[in-house]
Protein backbone atom coordinates (compact mmCIF):
# COMPACT_ATOMS: atom_id res chain seq x y z
CA UNK A 1 23.16 22.47 86.11
CA UNK A 2 24.94 24.95 83.62
CA UNK A 3 27.97 22.76 83.89
CA UNK A 4 26.07 19.73 82.95
CA UNK A 5 24.52 21.35 80.01
CA UNK A 6 27.82 22.71 78.67
CA UNK A 7 29.50 19.39 78.99
CA UNK A 8 26.46 17.65 77.19
CA UNK A 9 26.92 20.10 74.23
CA UNK A 10 30.61 19.38 74.04
CA UNK A 11 29.98 15.60 73.82
CA UNK A 12 27.42 16.21 71.08
CA UNK A 13 29.94 18.08 69.05
CA UNK A 14 32.47 15.26 69.26
CA UNK A 15 30.74 12.96 66.79
CA UNK A 16 30.80 15.75 64.19
CA UNK A 17 34.68 15.38 64.15
CA UNK A 18 34.32 11.84 62.94
CA UNK A 19 32.49 13.06 59.72
CA UNK A 20 34.89 15.71 58.78
CA UNK A 21 36.30 14.37 55.63
CA UNK A 22 37.61 15.36 52.18
CA UNK A 23 36.99 13.67 48.94
CA UNK A 24 39.55 13.36 46.17
CA UNK A 25 38.36 12.20 42.81
CA UNK A 26 40.56 11.11 39.87
CA UNK A 27 39.19 10.63 36.28
CA UNK A 28 40.91 8.65 33.56
CA UNK A 29 40.44 7.74 29.92
CA UNK A 30 42.03 5.46 27.36
CA UNK A 31 44.76 2.89 27.81
CA UNK A 32 44.47 -0.89 27.21
CA UNK A 33 42.75 -3.40 29.28
CA UNK A 34 44.02 -6.83 28.90
CA UNK A 35 42.46 -9.86 30.72
CA UNK A 36 42.95 -13.63 31.24
CA UNK A 37 41.69 -15.87 34.00
CA UNK A 38 44.84 -14.73 35.97
CA UNK A 39 43.38 -11.21 36.18
CA UNK A 40 43.02 -7.86 34.47
CA UNK A 41 45.71 -5.40 33.73
CA UNK A 42 45.25 -1.71 32.68
CA UNK A 43 48.19 0.12 31.12
CA UNK A 44 48.55 3.44 29.38
CA UNK A 45 45.51 5.08 30.72
CA UNK A 46 45.61 9.01 30.81
CA UNK A 47 44.93 10.80 34.18
CA UNK A 48 42.54 13.60 32.86
CA UNK A 49 41.01 15.14 35.84
CA UNK A 50 41.67 15.60 39.69
CA UNK A 51 39.32 17.22 42.03
CA UNK A 52 39.78 17.95 45.79
CA UNK A 53 43.47 17.21 45.94
CA UNK A 54 44.93 19.42 48.89
CA UNK A 55 41.56 20.82 49.13
CA UNK A 56 41.72 22.38 45.62
CA UNK A 57 39.04 22.41 42.78
CA UNK A 58 38.72 20.47 39.57
CA UNK A 59 41.86 20.27 37.45
CA UNK A 60 41.82 18.85 33.97
CA UNK A 61 44.32 17.97 31.12
CA UNK A 62 46.94 15.41 30.57
CA UNK A 63 47.88 15.02 34.31
CA UNK A 64 49.47 11.59 34.54
CA UNK A 65 48.55 7.95 34.37
CA UNK A 66 46.41 5.18 35.91
CA UNK A 67 47.50 1.70 35.83
CA UNK A 68 46.29 -1.60 37.91
CA UNK A 69 46.33 -5.29 38.12
CA UNK A 70 43.54 -7.41 39.71
CA UNK A 71 43.84 -10.76 41.38
CA UNK A 72 42.74 -13.98 39.53
CA UNK A 73 39.25 -14.76 38.18
CA UNK A 74 37.29 -16.46 40.92
CA UNK A 75 33.84 -16.79 39.53
CA UNK A 76 32.10 -16.30 36.17
CA UNK A 77 33.98 -15.53 32.93
CA UNK A 78 35.73 -12.70 31.20
CA UNK A 79 33.04 -12.83 28.27
CA UNK A 80 29.86 -12.80 30.53
CA UNK A 81 31.08 -11.03 33.77
CA UNK A 82 32.47 -12.45 36.89
CA UNK A 83 34.51 -11.71 40.08
CA UNK A 84 38.26 -11.21 40.53
CA UNK A 85 40.07 -11.94 43.87
CA UNK A 86 41.31 -9.05 46.03
CA UNK A 87 44.75 -8.20 45.71
CA UNK A 88 46.81 -6.84 42.77
CA UNK A 89 47.98 -3.22 42.59
CA UNK A 90 46.47 0.24 41.67
CA UNK A 91 48.69 3.27 40.96
CA UNK A 92 47.87 6.86 40.02
CA UNK A 93 50.88 8.79 38.87
CA UNK A 94 51.04 12.81 38.45
CA UNK A 95 53.19 14.25 35.64
CA UNK A 96 53.82 17.75 37.40
CA UNK A 97 51.42 19.59 35.10
CA UNK A 98 48.66 22.12 36.09
CA UNK A 99 49.73 22.00 39.65
CA UNK A 100 49.54 18.30 40.08
CA UNK A 101 52.60 16.88 41.80
CA UNK A 102 55.00 14.58 39.86
CA UNK A 103 55.12 11.11 41.02
CA UNK A 104 52.89 8.69 42.71
CA UNK A 105 49.64 10.25 43.81
CA UNK A 106 48.01 7.15 45.06
CA UNK A 107 49.28 3.57 45.59
CA UNK A 108 47.12 0.83 46.78
CA UNK A 109 45.58 -2.50 46.38
CA UNK A 110 42.16 -4.07 45.83
CA UNK A 111 40.91 -4.85 49.40
CA UNK A 112 37.72 -6.65 48.41
CA UNK A 113 36.94 -8.86 45.43
CA UNK A 114 36.49 -6.95 42.03
CA UNK A 115 33.12 -7.11 40.19
CA UNK A 116 33.35 -7.38 36.39
CA UNK A 117 29.67 -6.82 34.96
CA UNK A 118 28.46 -7.20 31.51
CA UNK A 119 25.61 -4.70 30.37
CA UNK A 120 23.75 -5.34 26.98
CA UNK A 121 22.34 -2.17 25.77
CA UNK A 122 18.94 -1.86 23.95
CA UNK A 123 20.81 -1.46 20.58
CA UNK A 124 22.65 -4.90 21.06
CA UNK A 125 26.03 -3.42 22.11
CA UNK A 126 27.92 -4.40 25.05
CA UNK A 127 29.46 -2.54 27.82
CA UNK A 128 31.45 -3.85 30.91
CA UNK A 129 32.01 -2.14 34.18
CA UNK A 130 34.71 -2.82 36.65
CA UNK A 131 34.00 -1.77 40.40
CA UNK A 132 36.03 -2.47 43.39
CA UNK A 133 37.18 -1.10 46.73
CA UNK A 134 40.90 -0.07 47.23
CA UNK A 135 43.03 0.61 50.23
CA UNK A 136 46.25 2.38 50.17
CA UNK A 137 48.11 5.70 50.60
CA UNK A 138 47.36 9.14 49.08
CA UNK A 139 50.31 11.27 48.55
CA UNK A 140 49.97 13.56 51.49
CA UNK A 141 50.62 10.43 53.70
CA UNK A 142 47.12 9.66 54.46
CA UNK A 143 46.47 5.79 54.68
CA UNK A 144 42.94 5.32 53.51
CA UNK A 145 40.34 2.66 53.02
CA UNK A 146 37.08 2.78 51.29
CA UNK A 147 38.34 3.96 47.95
CA UNK A 148 36.06 3.25 45.15
CA UNK A 149 36.93 2.75 41.58
CA UNK A 150 34.50 2.34 38.50
CA UNK A 151 35.79 1.75 34.95
CA UNK A 152 33.75 1.53 31.72
CA UNK A 153 34.46 -0.55 28.69
CA UNK A 154 32.75 -0.52 25.48
CA UNK A 155 32.95 -3.46 23.18
CA UNK A 156 30.29 -2.78 20.45
CA UNK A 157 28.43 -5.82 19.29
CA UNK A 158 31.12 -8.07 20.35
CA UNK A 159 32.13 -9.32 23.88
CA UNK A 160 35.38 -8.68 25.72
CA UNK A 161 38.01 -11.07 24.06
CA UNK A 162 41.03 -10.43 26.23
CA UNK A 163 42.08 -6.89 25.16
CA UNK A 164 40.12 -3.61 24.73
CA UNK A 165 40.46 0.18 25.01
CA UNK A 166 39.30 1.62 28.14
CA UNK A 167 36.32 4.09 27.70
CA UNK A 168 36.57 5.89 31.13
CA UNK A 169 37.38 5.54 34.79
CA UNK A 170 36.56 7.16 38.03
CA UNK A 171 38.41 6.76 41.41
CA UNK A 172 36.96 8.32 44.53
CA UNK A 173 39.06 8.60 47.74
CA UNK A 174 37.59 9.86 51.04
CA UNK A 175 40.34 10.85 53.52
CA UNK A 176 40.07 12.57 57.01
CA UNK A 177 41.24 16.24 57.24
CA UNK A 178 43.63 16.44 60.10
CA UNK A 179 43.62 20.23 60.03
CA UNK A 180 39.74 20.27 60.59
CA UNK A 181 40.03 17.65 63.39
CA UNK A 182 42.85 19.61 65.00
CA UNK A 183 41.13 22.86 65.10
CA UNK A 184 37.95 21.34 66.32
CA UNK A 185 39.77 19.46 69.22
CA UNK A 186 41.67 22.72 70.12
CA UNK A 187 38.45 24.62 70.21
CA UNK A 188 36.75 22.04 72.35
CA UNK A 189 39.61 22.00 74.85
CA UNK A 190 39.44 25.75 75.00
CA UNK A 191 35.91 25.71 75.56
CA UNK A 192 36.27 23.13 78.39
CA UNK A 193 38.99 25.13 80.03
CA UNK A 194 36.75 28.26 80.06
CA UNK A 195 33.80 26.27 81.57
CA UNK A 196 36.07 24.86 84.29
CA UNK A 197 37.45 28.21 85.06
CA UNK A 198 34.21 29.77 85.36
CA UNK A 199 32.88 27.08 87.50
CA UNK A 200 35.75 27.43 89.90
CA UNK A 201 34.97 31.12 90.26
CA UNK A 202 31.35 30.52 91.15
């Protein structure tokens, strides 16, 4: 009976490993967003914050750049909001400052259609948000999916006319922690070995 209870406890612990994860967040501001029916392109946006890279805390400053392209517009319009096709590119570069590595931090593509939403505020000004899901590679070599991005663009009383300065952006990446999973797996194997050894003695 003891053996059955111990094995059941081990099995209950296994699903916890699947939820061991680490979130890495990138923030960016500025840059020029250009758009046509062929897609949107962001250039010159400054990477201003990184949180959780290599398990670290929040780092701020001029840390690099963020750029992307989307697929073509498949519904709606640039002025009133719509949807862009999956595809394109998304790149986050580090510049080597404040402990952030120099080079590509994240490289990926939009894995689902990208939503372009117009919001009219009570004062009559307009704001656009761009939301999408990415898949790609984070620098430690983690292939990852479920990356989310949200960008905000303010156009004042006017509408998006094909070119505007980006207000802010946020990219959140969830990646598994191999170290945590490895330690948990080793620990479970060790416990299983001890249980087996004890059962043999009795």
